[in-house]
Amino acid sequence: MLGEKIAEYRTNANMTQQSLADALGVSKNTIFSWEKGIRKPDIDMLQKIASYFATTVDNLLGNIEPPIPNDDEIKFALFGVDPANITDAQFEEVKRFAQFVREQKMKQSGK
């Protein structure tokens, strides 16, 4: 997966393995080894690659953040009905209750 991501970023930037190697200060064989999954870059090099391609290490590793649900999706998950049938007051009450539960849990854990 990592090797595929590096190759994807490199080809999207219209770069050869040699030009990427030159930019990162490694050999062409190193780039080849990464892209084929034979070897993996260390964390410092991962950060350098991510910085070079203006992305994150998480993105290179395939760790994609889950999307944040919107209010309608949350209302449906909480109430199981058409979100249009939930009043703003009902939704606010549920959010206040959730905040209360979080605060109680933090008090219990001593944080």
N, C-alpha and C. Protein backbone atom coordinates (compact mmCIF):
# COMPACT_ATOMS: atom_id res chain seq x y z
N MET A 1 0.82 -1.19 0.00
CA MET A 1 0.00 0.00 0.00
C MET A 1 0.87 1.26 0.00
N LEU A 2 1.86 1.31 0.91
CA LEU A 2 2.72 2.48 0.97
C LEU A 2 3.46 2.67 -0.34
N GLY A 3 4.02 1.58 -0.86
CA GLY A 3 4.74 1.66 -2.12
C GLY A 3 3.86 2.14 -3.26
N GLU A 4 2.62 1.66 -3.26
CA GLU A 4 1.67 2.10 -4.29
C GLU A 4 1.37 3.58 -4.17
N LYS A 5 1.26 4.07 -2.93
CA LYS A 5 0.99 5.50 -2.70
C LYS A 5 2.16 6.36 -3.18
N ILE A 6 3.38 5.92 -2.87
CA ILE A 6 4.56 6.67 -3.32
C ILE A 6 4.58 6.72 -4.84
N ALA A 7 4.35 5.58 -5.48
CA ALA A 7 4.33 5.53 -6.94
C ALA A 7 3.22 6.41 -7.50
N GLU A 8 2.07 6.41 -6.85
CA GLU A 8 0.95 7.23 -7.30
C GLU A 8 1.30 8.72 -7.24
N TYR A 9 1.84 9.15 -6.11
CA TYR A 9 2.23 10.56 -6.00
C TYR A 9 3.31 10.91 -7.01
N ARG A 10 4.27 10.03 -7.20
CA ARG A 10 5.35 10.28 -8.15
C ARG A 10 4.82 10.40 -9.57
N THR A 11 3.98 9.47 -9.97
CA THR A 11 3.47 9.52 -11.35
C THR A 11 2.51 10.69 -11.55
N ASN A 12 1.71 11.02 -10.52
CA ASN A 12 0.83 12.19 -10.63
C ASN A 12 1.62 13.48 -10.78
N ALA A 13 2.85 13.48 -10.25
CA ALA A 13 3.72 14.65 -10.37
C ALA A 13 4.57 14.58 -11.64
N ASN A 14 4.29 13.58 -12.49
CA ASN A 14 5.05 13.38 -13.74
C ASN A 14 6.55 13.27 -13.48
N MET A 15 6.89 12.52 -12.46
CA MET A 15 8.29 12.34 -12.09
C MET A 15 8.74 10.92 -12.41
N THR A 16 10.00 10.78 -12.73
CA THR A 16 10.60 9.46 -12.87
C THR A 16 11.09 9.02 -11.49
N GLN A 17 11.41 7.74 -11.38
CA GLN A 17 11.99 7.28 -10.12
C GLN A 17 13.30 8.00 -9.85
N GLN A 18 14.06 8.26 -10.91
CA GLN A 18 15.34 8.95 -10.73
C GLN A 18 15.15 10.38 -10.24
N SER A 19 14.16 11.09 -10.79
CA SER A 19 13.97 12.48 -10.36
C SER A 19 13.48 12.55 -8.91
N LEU A 20 12.66 11.59 -8.50
CA LEU A 20 12.23 11.56 -7.10
C LEU A 20 13.41 11.20 -6.20
N ALA A 21 14.21 10.26 -6.65
CA ALA A 21 15.41 9.88 -5.89
C ALA A 21 16.32 11.08 -5.69
N ASP A 22 16.53 11.84 -6.75
CA ASP A 22 17.38 13.03 -6.66
C ASP A 22 16.79 14.04 -5.68
N ALA A 23 15.48 14.23 -5.73
CA ALA A 23 14.82 15.20 -4.84
C ALA A 23 14.92 14.79 -3.37
N LEU A 24 14.90 13.48 -3.12
CA LEU A 24 14.92 12.99 -1.73
C LEU A 24 16.33 12.64 -1.24
N GLY A 25 17.30 12.64 -2.16
CA GLY A 25 18.67 12.31 -1.77
C GLY A 25 18.91 10.83 -1.54
N VAL A 26 18.20 10.00 -2.31
CA VAL A 26 18.39 8.55 -2.23
C VAL A 26 18.66 8.02 -3.63
N SER A 27 18.91 6.73 -3.73
CA SER A 27 19.17 6.14 -5.05
C SER A 27 17.86 5.77 -5.76
N LYS A 28 17.96 5.63 -7.07
CA LYS A 28 16.80 5.19 -7.85
C LYS A 28 16.36 3.80 -7.39
N ASN A 29 17.33 2.95 -7.05
CA ASN A 29 17.03 1.61 -6.58
C ASN A 29 16.22 1.64 -5.28
N THR A 30 16.48 2.64 -4.43
CA THR A 30 15.72 2.78 -3.19
C THR A 30 14.26 3.08 -3.51
N ILE A 31 14.03 4.01 -4.44
CA ILE A 31 12.65 4.34 -4.84
C ILE A 31 11.97 3.09 -5.39
N PHE A 32 12.67 2.37 -6.26
CA PHE A 32 12.14 1.14 -6.84
C PHE A 32 11.76 0.16 -5.73
N SER A 33 12.66 -0.02 -4.74
CA SER A 33 12.41 -0.96 -3.64
C SER A 33 11.19 -0.56 -2.81
N TRP A 34 11.04 0.75 -2.58
CA TRP A 34 9.87 1.22 -1.84
C TRP A 34 8.59 0.93 -2.61
N GLU A 35 8.60 1.30 -3.89
CA GLU A 35 7.39 1.16 -4.70
C GLU A 35 6.98 -0.30 -4.88
N LYS A 36 7.94 -1.20 -4.89
CA LYS A 36 7.64 -2.63 -5.05
C LYS A 36 7.39 -3.33 -3.72
N GLY A 37 7.53 -2.59 -2.61
CA GLY A 37 7.29 -3.18 -1.30
C GLY A 37 8.42 -4.04 -0.79
N ILE A 38 9.57 -3.94 -1.40
CA ILE A 38 10.74 -4.72 -0.97
C ILE A 38 11.30 -4.14 0.32
N ARG A 39 11.32 -2.81 0.37
CA ARG A 39 11.79 -2.09 1.56
C ARG A 39 10.79 -0.99 1.88
N LYS A 40 10.91 -0.45 3.10
CA LYS A 40 10.06 0.66 3.50
C LYS A 40 10.93 1.80 4.01
N PRO A 41 10.54 3.02 3.71
CA PRO A 41 11.32 4.15 4.23
C PRO A 41 11.15 4.26 5.74
N ASP A 42 12.20 4.79 6.42
CA ASP A 42 12.07 5.01 7.86
C ASP A 42 11.18 6.23 8.10
N ILE A 43 10.87 6.50 9.36
CA ILE A 43 9.91 7.56 9.68
C ILE A 43 10.40 8.93 9.22
N ASP A 44 11.69 9.20 9.36
CA ASP A 44 12.21 10.49 8.90
C ASP A 44 12.02 10.65 7.39
N MET A 45 12.27 9.57 6.65
CA MET A 45 12.10 9.64 5.20
C MET A 45 10.62 9.73 4.84
N LEU A 46 9.77 9.04 5.59
CA LEU A 46 8.33 9.15 5.35
C LEU A 46 7.88 10.61 5.48
N GLN A 47 8.39 11.28 6.51
CA GLN A 47 8.04 12.69 6.70
C GLN A 47 8.57 13.54 5.55
N LYS A 48 9.77 13.22 5.08
CA LYS A 48 10.35 13.96 3.95
C LYS A 48 9.53 13.75 2.68
N ILE A 49 9.11 12.51 2.44
CA ILE A 49 8.28 12.21 1.26
C ILE A 49 6.95 12.95 1.35
N ALA A 50 6.31 12.87 2.51
CA ALA A 50 5.02 13.54 2.72
C ALA A 50 5.17 15.03 2.49
N SER A 51 6.20 15.62 3.04
CA SER A 51 6.44 17.05 2.87
C SER A 51 6.68 17.39 1.41
N TYR A 52 7.45 16.58 0.74
CA TYR A 52 7.76 16.83 -0.67
C TYR A 52 6.48 16.86 -1.52
N PHE A 53 5.58 15.94 -1.24
CA PHE A 53 4.34 15.87 -2.02
C PHE A 53 3.18 16.65 -1.38
N ALA A 54 3.48 17.44 -0.36
CA ALA A 54 2.48 18.28 0.32
C ALA A 54 1.28 17.46 0.79
N THR A 55 1.60 16.36 1.46
CA THR A 55 0.56 15.51 2.03
C THR A 55 0.98 15.14 3.45
N THR A 56 0.33 14.17 4.04
CA THR A 56 0.67 13.73 5.39
C THR A 56 1.19 12.31 5.37
N VAL A 57 1.92 11.96 6.43
CA VAL A 57 2.37 10.58 6.58
C VAL A 57 1.16 9.66 6.67
N ASP A 58 0.14 10.08 7.40
CA ASP A 58 -1.08 9.28 7.49
C ASP A 58 -1.65 8.98 6.12
N ASN A 59 -1.67 9.97 5.25
CA ASN A 59 -2.19 9.75 3.90
C ASN A 59 -1.32 8.75 3.15
N LEU A 60 -0.01 8.88 3.26
CA LEU A 60 0.87 7.93 2.58
C LEU A 60 0.64 6.51 3.09
N LEU A 61 0.36 6.38 4.38
CA LEU A 61 0.14 5.06 4.96
C LEU A 61 -1.28 4.53 4.75
N GLY A 62 -2.13 5.36 4.15
CA GLY A 62 -3.49 4.93 3.87
C GLY A 62 -4.44 5.12 5.04
N ASN A 63 -4.01 5.88 6.05
CA ASN A 63 -4.87 6.16 7.20
C ASN A 63 -5.73 7.36 6.87
N ILE A 64 -6.92 7.10 6.44
CA ILE A 64 -7.82 8.16 6.03
C ILE A 64 -8.79 8.46 7.16
N GLU A 65 -8.94 9.73 7.46
CA GLU A 65 -9.87 10.15 8.51
C GLU A 65 -11.31 9.84 8.08
N PRO A 66 -12.09 9.29 8.98
CA PRO A 66 -13.50 9.07 8.62
C PRO A 66 -14.20 10.41 8.48
N PRO A 67 -15.17 10.49 7.60
CA PRO A 67 -15.88 11.77 7.43
C PRO A 67 -16.66 12.13 8.69
N ILE A 68 -16.76 13.41 8.96
CA ILE A 68 -17.53 13.89 10.10
C ILE A 68 -18.99 13.96 9.68
N PRO A 69 -19.87 13.28 10.43
CA PRO A 69 -21.28 13.29 10.03
C PRO A 69 -21.91 14.67 10.24
N ASN A 70 -22.86 15.00 9.38
CA ASN A 70 -23.57 16.28 9.55
C ASN A 70 -24.72 16.07 10.54
N ASP A 71 -25.38 17.18 10.91
CA ASP A 71 -26.44 17.10 11.93
C ASP A 71 -27.57 16.16 11.53
N ASP A 72 -27.96 16.17 10.25
CA ASP A 72 -29.05 15.28 9.81
C ASP A 72 -28.67 13.81 9.99
N GLU A 73 -27.41 13.48 9.69
CA GLU A 73 -26.96 12.10 9.85
C GLU A 73 -26.94 11.71 11.34
N ILE A 74 -26.54 12.64 12.18
CA ILE A 74 -26.53 12.38 13.61
C ILE A 74 -27.95 12.20 14.14
N LYS A 75 -28.85 13.08 13.69
CA LYS A 75 -30.25 12.97 14.13
C LYS A 75 -30.83 11.61 13.74
N PHE A 76 -30.57 11.18 12.52
CA PHE A 76 -31.10 9.89 12.08
C PHE A 76 -30.51 8.76 12.92
N ALA A 77 -29.19 8.83 13.20
CA ALA A 77 -28.55 7.78 14.00
C ALA A 77 -29.12 7.74 15.41
N LEU A 78 -29.41 8.91 15.97
CA LEU A 78 -29.92 8.97 17.35
C LEU A 78 -31.38 8.58 17.46
N PHE A 79 -32.19 9.07 16.53
CA PHE A 79 -33.64 8.92 16.66
C PHE A 79 -34.24 7.88 15.72
N GLY A 80 -33.53 7.55 14.65
CA GLY A 80 -34.02 6.54 13.73
C GLY A 80 -35.22 6.96 12.91
N VAL A 81 -35.43 8.26 12.78
CA VAL A 81 -36.55 8.78 11.98
C VAL A 81 -36.02 9.86 11.05
N ASP A 82 -36.88 10.30 10.18
CA ASP A 82 -36.53 11.39 9.28
C ASP A 82 -36.05 12.59 10.10
N PRO A 83 -34.84 13.09 9.83
CA PRO A 83 -34.31 14.21 10.61
C PRO A 83 -35.22 15.44 10.62
N ALA A 84 -36.05 15.59 9.61
CA ALA A 84 -36.97 16.73 9.56
C ALA A 84 -38.00 16.66 10.69
N ASN A 85 -38.21 15.47 11.25
CA ASN A 85 -39.18 15.30 12.34
C ASN A 85 -38.59 15.59 13.72
N ILE A 86 -37.31 15.93 13.77
CA ILE A 86 -36.64 16.22 15.04
C ILE A 86 -36.48 17.73 15.17
N THR A 87 -36.99 18.27 16.25
CA THR A 87 -36.89 19.72 16.44
C THR A 87 -35.48 20.08 16.91
N ASP A 88 -35.13 21.34 16.70
CA ASP A 88 -33.83 21.82 17.18
C ASP A 88 -33.73 21.67 18.69
N ALA A 89 -34.83 21.90 19.40
CA ALA A 89 -34.83 21.78 20.86
C ALA A 89 -34.53 20.34 21.29
N GLN A 90 -35.12 19.37 20.60
CA GLN A 90 -34.86 17.97 20.93
C GLN A 90 -33.38 17.63 20.70
N PHE A 91 -32.86 18.09 19.58
CA PHE A 91 -31.47 17.81 19.25
C PHE A 91 -30.53 18.47 20.26
N GLU A 92 -30.80 19.68 20.65
CA GLU A 92 -29.98 20.39 21.65
C GLU A 92 -30.02 19.67 22.99
N GLU A 93 -31.17 19.15 23.36
CA GLU A 93 -31.30 18.42 24.62
C GLU A 93 -30.42 17.17 24.61
N VAL A 94 -30.39 16.46 23.50
CA VAL A 94 -29.55 15.27 23.39
C VAL A 94 -28.07 15.68 23.47
N LYS A 95 -27.69 16.77 22.82
CA LYS A 95 -26.30 17.23 22.89
C LYS A 95 -25.91 17.63 24.32
N ARG A 96 -26.84 18.29 25.05
CA ARG A 96 -26.56 18.66 26.44
C ARG A 96 -26.38 17.41 27.31
N PHE A 97 -27.22 16.40 27.06
CA PHE A 97 -27.11 15.16 27.81
C PHE A 97 -25.76 14.48 27.52
N ALA A 98 -25.37 14.45 26.27
CA ALA A 98 -24.08 13.85 25.90
C ALA A 98 -22.93 14.58 26.58
N GLN A 99 -22.99 15.90 26.64
CA GLN A 99 -21.96 16.68 27.33
C GLN A 99 -21.94 16.34 28.81
N PHE A 100 -23.11 16.22 29.43
CA PHE A 100 -23.21 15.85 30.83
C PHE A 100 -22.55 14.49 31.08
N VAL A 101 -22.84 13.52 30.23
CA VAL A 101 -22.26 12.18 30.38
C VAL A 101 -20.74 12.24 30.27
N ARG A 102 -20.23 13.00 29.29
CA ARG A 102 -18.77 13.15 29.14
C ARG A 102 -18.15 13.75 30.40
N GLU A 103 -18.77 14.79 30.93
CA GLU A 103 -18.25 15.44 32.14
C GLU A 103 -18.26 14.48 33.33
N GLN A 104 -19.31 13.72 33.48
CA GLN A 104 -19.39 12.76 34.58
C GLN A 104 -18.29 11.70 34.44
N LYS A 105 -18.08 11.23 33.25
CA LYS A 105 -17.05 10.22 33.01
C LYS A 105 -15.67 10.77 33.34
N MET A 106 -15.42 12.03 32.96
CA MET A 106 -14.13 12.65 33.25
C MET A 106 -13.93 12.82 34.75
N LYS A 107 -14.99 13.18 35.48
CA LYS A 107 -14.91 13.31 36.93
C LYS A 107 -14.58 11.97 37.57
N GLN A 108 -15.20 10.92 37.08
CA GLN A 108 -14.98 9.58 37.63
C GLN A 108 -13.55 9.10 37.38
N SER A 109 -13.01 9.47 36.23
CA SER A 109 -11.66 9.01 35.90
C SER A 109 -10.59 9.94 36.47
N GLY A 110 -11.01 11.06 37.07
CA GLY A 110 -10.07 11.97 37.72
C GLY A 110 -9.33 12.89 36.76
N LYS A 111 -9.88 13.10 35.60
CA LYS A 111 -9.19 13.97 34.61
C LYS A 111 -9.72 15.37 34.68
